[in-house]
Amino acid sequence: MSRDAEVIVLARWSDEVMEPLTQDDPERTWRGRFVPIAGQWGYAFGWALEFEKMSARRGLLKHLESLPWPHPHTVQVLLRDQDDDCFGLWMFQEGQLVEVTIARTGRFHQPAPPDEDFEPDPGMLLRTDQDTALPEQTPQALRDTRPPW
C-alpha cells in the first residue's frame, strides 16, 4: 500500500546520534535515510526523511527511542501522513516517544483491519477549527493497537 509521509527530527547536539541514520541500512525495520537540515551558518539542527510506502516506516519510533540522545528532553519528532492536515508532534515522556496533543487538532482512526495482512493505520490528524465535517471517531476498543510508526 502506498501512503506518503514526512518525518522531521529536531534535537540539540545530536549529530553523532543521527549520523548513522543518514545512511541506508538494510538491517533496520524501516527504510530510508535522513537528510540533515542546516541553518544559515551550516550547522545541522534537524533531519528530514520522506516515506512513500507504509511498510517502509515500521519501527521508526521504537528505533528513535532506542538511541543514546545526549539531551532527550530536546528531541521533537514531527510526523505528517499524506492525509493529515498538519504535522503531529512526538516527544519523550518517561523514555518513550509519545504523541503530544496539539490545540485545535484531533487524530481520527479507522476501525482495525480484519487481519494483520494490512499495515497499521496511523489515523488522520485533522484541524478541528475549520468549520468542515469531521469523520466519525472509532471507539478505542475497535482501533488497531499495532504501532504504525
C-alpha atoms as a PDB file:
ATOM      1  CA  MET A   1       0.000   0.000   0.000  1.00  0.00           C
ATOM      2  CA  SER A   2       1.347   3.395  -0.901  1.00  0.00           C
ATOM      3  CA  ARG A   3       0.940   6.241   1.534  1.00  0.00           C
ATOM      4  CA  ASP A   4       3.379   9.134   1.591  1.00  0.00           C
ATOM      5  CA  ALA A   5       4.654  10.573   4.847  1.00  0.00           C
ATOM      6  CA  GLU A   6       7.289  13.013   6.040  1.00  0.00           C
ATOM      7  CA  VAL A   7       9.343  12.902   9.223  1.00  0.00           C
ATOM      8  CA  ILE A   8      11.408  15.692  10.760  1.00  0.00           C
ATOM      9  CA  VAL A   9      13.602  15.109  13.802  1.00  0.00           C
ATOM     10  CA  LEU A  10      14.741  18.136  15.795  1.00  0.00           C
ATOM     11  CA  ALA A  11      17.253  17.521  18.590  1.00  0.00           C
ATOM     12  CA  ARG A  12      20.031  19.591  20.111  1.00  0.00           C
ATOM     13  CA  TRP A  13      23.618  18.419  19.800  1.00  0.00           C
ATOM     14  CA  SER A  14      22.622  15.104  18.219  1.00  0.00           C
ATOM     15  CA  ASP A  15      24.802  14.970  15.100  1.00  0.00           C
ATOM     16  CA  GLU A  16      26.607  11.822  16.286  1.00  0.00           C
ATOM     17  CA  VAL A  17      23.353  10.079  17.177  1.00  0.00           C
ATOM     18  CA  MET A  18      21.724  10.897  13.847  1.00  0.00           C
ATOM     19  CA  GLU A  19      24.751  10.318  11.592  1.00  0.00           C
ATOM     20  CA  PRO A  20      24.136   6.540  11.185  1.00  0.00           C
ATOM     21  CA  LEU A  21      20.533   7.306  10.211  1.00  0.00           C
ATOM     22  CA  THR A  22      21.764   9.367   7.253  1.00  0.00           C
ATOM     23  CA  GLN A  23      22.977   6.100   5.676  1.00  0.00           C
ATOM     24  CA  ASP A  24      20.922   3.256   4.238  1.00  0.00           C
ATOM     25  CA  ASP A  25      20.868   0.193   6.481  1.00  0.00           C
ATOM     26  CA  PRO A  26      19.093  -2.995   5.347  1.00  0.00           C
ATOM     27  CA  GLU A  27      19.116  -4.271   8.958  1.00  0.00           C
ATOM     28  CA  ARG A  28      16.652  -1.606  10.161  1.00  0.00           C
ATOM     29  CA  THR A  29      12.933  -2.350  10.256  1.00  0.00           C
ATOM     30  CA  TRP A  30      12.261   0.966   8.494  1.00  0.00           C
ATOM     31  CA  ARG A  31      13.674   2.043   5.132  1.00  0.00           C
ATOM     32  CA  GLY A  32      15.267   5.266   4.024  1.00  0.00           C
ATOM     33  CA  ARG A  33      17.767   7.742   5.358  1.00  0.00           C
ATOM     34  CA  PHE A  34      17.541  11.108   6.999  1.00  0.00           C
ATOM     35  CA  VAL A  35      18.927  14.224   5.323  1.00  0.00           C
ATOM     36  CA  PRO A  36      20.395  16.949   7.558  1.00  0.00           C
ATOM     37  CA  ILE A  37      18.577  20.279   7.742  1.00  0.00           C
ATOM     38  CA  ALA A  38      21.125  23.073   8.104  1.00  0.00           C
ATOM     39  CA  GLY A  39      20.633  26.642   9.210  1.00  0.00           C
ATOM     40  CA  GLN A  40      22.153  29.738   7.668  1.00  0.00           C
ATOM     41  CA  TRP A  41      25.528  29.073   9.328  1.00  0.00           C
ATOM     42  CA  GLY A  42      25.682  25.494   8.085  1.00  0.00           C
ATOM     43  CA  TYR A  43      25.020  23.689  11.366  1.00  0.00           C
ATOM     44  CA  ALA A  44      22.560  20.800  11.307  1.00  0.00           C
ATOM     45  CA  PHE A  45      19.664  21.378  13.670  1.00  0.00           C
ATOM     46  CA  GLY A  46      17.325  18.752  12.292  1.00  0.00           C
ATOM     47  CA  TRP A  47      16.942  15.843   9.911  1.00  0.00           C
ATOM     48  CA  ALA A  48      14.216  15.041   7.387  1.00  0.00           C
ATOM     49  CA  LEU A  49      13.009  11.824   5.784  1.00  0.00           C
ATOM     50  CA  GLU A  50      10.241  11.008   3.305  1.00  0.00           C
ATOM     51  CA  PHE A  51       8.415   7.694   3.056  1.00  0.00           C
ATOM     52  CA  GLU A  52       6.404   6.572   0.074  1.00  0.00           C
ATOM     53  CA  LYS A  53       5.098   3.291   1.464  1.00  0.00           C
ATOM     54  CA  MET A  54       3.528   2.447   4.811  1.00  0.00           C
ATOM     55  CA  SER A  55       5.632  -0.696   5.245  1.00  0.00           C
ATOM     56  CA  ALA A  56       8.848   1.337   4.928  1.00  0.00           C
ATOM     57  CA  ARG A  57       8.195   3.174   8.206  1.00  0.00           C
ATOM     58  CA  ARG A  58       7.519   0.233  10.517  1.00  0.00           C
ATOM     59  CA  GLY A  59       9.527   0.530  13.744  1.00  0.00           C
ATOM     60  CA  LEU A  60      10.809   4.071  13.217  1.00  0.00           C
ATOM     61  CA  LEU A  61       9.664   5.471  16.574  1.00  0.00           C
ATOM     62  CA  LYS A  62      10.989   2.448  18.507  1.00  0.00           C
ATOM     63  CA  HIS A  63      14.330   2.875  16.750  1.00  0.00           C
ATOM     64  CA  LEU A  64      14.460   6.567  17.639  1.00  0.00           C
ATOM     65  CA  GLU A  65      13.546   5.731  21.255  1.00  0.00           C
ATOM     66  CA  SER A  66      16.482   3.325  21.476  1.00  0.00           C
ATOM     67  CA  LEU A  67      19.126   5.884  20.504  1.00  0.00           C
ATOM     68  CA  PRO A  68      21.514   7.413  23.080  1.00  0.00           C
ATOM     69  CA  TRP A  69      20.248  11.001  22.856  1.00  0.00           C
ATOM     70  CA  PRO A  70      22.543  13.400  24.723  1.00  0.00           C
ATOM     71  CA  HIS A  71      19.540  15.594  25.634  1.00  0.00           C
ATOM     72  CA  PRO A  72      16.329  13.576  25.158  1.00  0.00           C
ATOM     73  CA  HIS A  73      14.213  16.437  26.504  1.00  0.00           C
ATOM     74  CA  THR A  74      15.070  18.397  23.325  1.00  0.00           C
ATOM     75  CA  VAL A  75      14.034  15.649  20.878  1.00  0.00           C
ATOM     76  CA  GLN A  76      10.967  16.501  18.826  1.00  0.00           C
ATOM     77  CA  VAL A  77       9.711  14.196  16.089  1.00  0.00           C
ATOM     78  CA  LEU A  78       7.286  15.707  13.589  1.00  0.00           C
ATOM     79  CA  LEU A  79       5.260  13.239  11.501  1.00  0.00           C
ATOM     80  CA  ARG A  80       2.857  14.061   8.681  1.00  0.00           C
ATOM     81  CA  ASP A  81       0.985  11.353   6.857  1.00  0.00           C
ATOM     82  CA  GLN A  82      -0.476  12.162   3.443  1.00  0.00           C
ATOM     83  CA  ASP A  83      -3.999  12.509   4.861  1.00  0.00           C
ATOM     84  CA  ASP A  84      -3.006  14.755   7.782  1.00  0.00           C
ATOM     85  CA  ASP A  85      -3.812  18.458   7.838  1.00  0.00           C
ATOM     86  CA  CYS A  86      -0.619  19.217   9.757  1.00  0.00           C
ATOM     87  CA  PHE A  87       2.407  17.593  11.364  1.00  0.00           C
ATOM     88  CA  GLY A  88       1.898  15.671  14.588  1.00  0.00           C
ATOM     89  CA  LEU A  89       4.428  16.086  17.399  1.00  0.00           C
ATOM     90  CA  TRP A  90       6.071  13.271  19.378  1.00  0.00           C
ATOM     91  CA  MET A  91       8.297  13.944  22.390  1.00  0.00           C
ATOM     92  CA  PHE A  92       9.930  11.791  25.049  1.00  0.00           C
ATOM     93  CA  GLN A  93       7.862  11.062  28.133  1.00  0.00           C
ATOM     94  CA  GLU A  94       9.290   8.507  30.559  1.00  0.00           C
ATOM     95  CA  GLY A  95      11.629   7.112  27.898  1.00  0.00           C
ATOM     96  CA  GLN A  96       9.022   6.704  25.161  1.00  0.00           C
ATOM     97  CA  LEU A  97       8.120   8.893  22.214  1.00  0.00           C
ATOM     98  CA  VAL A  98       4.519   9.918  22.792  1.00  0.00           C
ATOM     99  CA  GLU A  99       2.258  11.980  20.576  1.00  0.00           C
ATOM    100  CA  VAL A 100       1.650  15.384  22.139  1.00  0.00           C
ATOM    101  CA  THR A 101      -1.830  16.821  21.746  1.00  0.00           C
ATOM    102  CA  ILE A 102      -1.838  19.946  19.596  1.00  0.00           C
ATOM    103  CA  ALA A 103      -4.570  22.504  20.198  1.00  0.00           C
ATOM    104  CA  ARG A 104      -7.416  22.540  17.671  1.00  0.00           C
ATOM    105  CA  THR A 105      -6.482  19.161  16.173  1.00  0.00           C
ATOM    106  CA  GLY A 106      -7.709  15.611  16.587  1.00  0.00           C
ATOM    107  CA  ARG A 107      -6.446  12.241  15.386  1.00  0.00           C
ATOM    108  CA  PHE A 108      -9.270  10.244  13.827  1.00  0.00           C
ATOM    109  CA  HIS A 109      -8.893   6.472  13.489  1.00  0.00           C
ATOM    110  CA  GLN A 110     -10.417   3.850  11.243  1.00  0.00           C
ATOM    111  CA  PRO A 111     -11.572   0.530  12.697  1.00  0.00           C
ATOM    112  CA  ALA A 112      -8.838  -2.115  12.928  1.00  0.00           C
ATOM    113  CA  PRO A 113      -8.313  -4.172   9.770  1.00  0.00           C
ATOM    114  CA  PRO A 114      -9.674  -7.726   9.688  1.00  0.00           C
ATOM    115  CA  ASP A 115      -6.213  -9.298   9.982  1.00  0.00           C
ATOM    116  CA  GLU A 116      -2.517  -8.462  10.168  1.00  0.00           C
ATOM    117  CA  ASP A 117      -2.046  -8.700   6.395  1.00  0.00           C
ATOM    118  CA  PHE A 118      -2.926  -4.994   6.416  1.00  0.00           C
ATOM    119  CA  GLU A 119      -0.446  -2.361   7.567  1.00  0.00           C
ATOM    120  CA  PRO A 120      -1.337  -0.489  10.778  1.00  0.00           C
ATOM    121  CA  ASP A 121      -3.048   2.815  10.027  1.00  0.00           C
ATOM    122  CA  PRO A 122      -1.894   5.945  11.904  1.00  0.00           C
ATOM    123  CA  GLY A 123      -5.268   7.636  11.560  1.00  0.00           C
ATOM    124  CA  MET A 124      -5.623  11.197  10.306  1.00  0.00           C
ATOM    125  CA  LEU A 125      -4.531  14.287  12.214  1.00  0.00           C
ATOM    126  CA  LEU A 126      -7.118  16.899  11.290  1.00  0.00           C
ATOM    127  CA  ARG A 127      -7.706  20.508  12.239  1.00  0.00           C
ATOM    128  CA  THR A 128     -10.900  20.761  14.275  1.00  0.00           C
ATOM    129  CA  ASP A 129     -11.369  24.521  13.884  1.00  0.00           C
ATOM    130  CA  GLN A 130     -12.032  24.739  10.146  1.00  0.00           C
ATOM    131  CA  ASP A 131     -15.843  24.511  10.031  1.00  0.00           C
ATOM    132  CA  THR A 132     -15.627  21.329   7.970  1.00  0.00           C
ATOM    133  CA  ALA A 133     -17.267  18.000   8.674  1.00  0.00           C
ATOM    134  CA  LEU A 134     -15.024  15.667  10.645  1.00  0.00           C
ATOM    135  CA  PRO A 135     -15.092  11.884  10.308  1.00  0.00           C
ATOM    136  CA  GLU A 136     -16.723   9.793  12.994  1.00  0.00           C
ATOM    137  CA  GLN A 137     -14.209   8.693  15.619  1.00  0.00           C
ATOM    138  CA  THR A 138     -13.738   4.948  16.011  1.00  0.00           C
ATOM    139  CA  PRO A 139     -14.082   3.832  19.652  1.00  0.00           C
ATOM    140  CA  GLN A 140     -10.742   2.962  21.290  1.00  0.00           C
ATOM    141  CA  ALA A 141     -11.666  -0.726  21.637  1.00  0.00           C
ATOM    142  CA  LEU A 142     -12.170  -1.071  17.857  1.00  0.00           C
ATOM    143  CA  ARG A 143      -8.878   0.562  16.770  1.00  0.00           C
ATOM    144  CA  ASP A 144      -5.750  -1.208  15.602  1.00  0.00           C
ATOM    145  CA  THR A 145      -3.370  -1.495  18.574  1.00  0.00           C
ATOM    146  CA  ARG A 146      -0.239  -2.048  16.456  1.00  0.00           C
ATOM    147  CA  PRO A 147       2.078   0.968  16.179  1.00  0.00           C
ATOM    148  CA  PRO A 148       2.017   2.424  12.635  1.00  0.00           C
ATOM    149  CA  TRP A 149       5.404   4.068  13.034  1.00  0.00           C
END
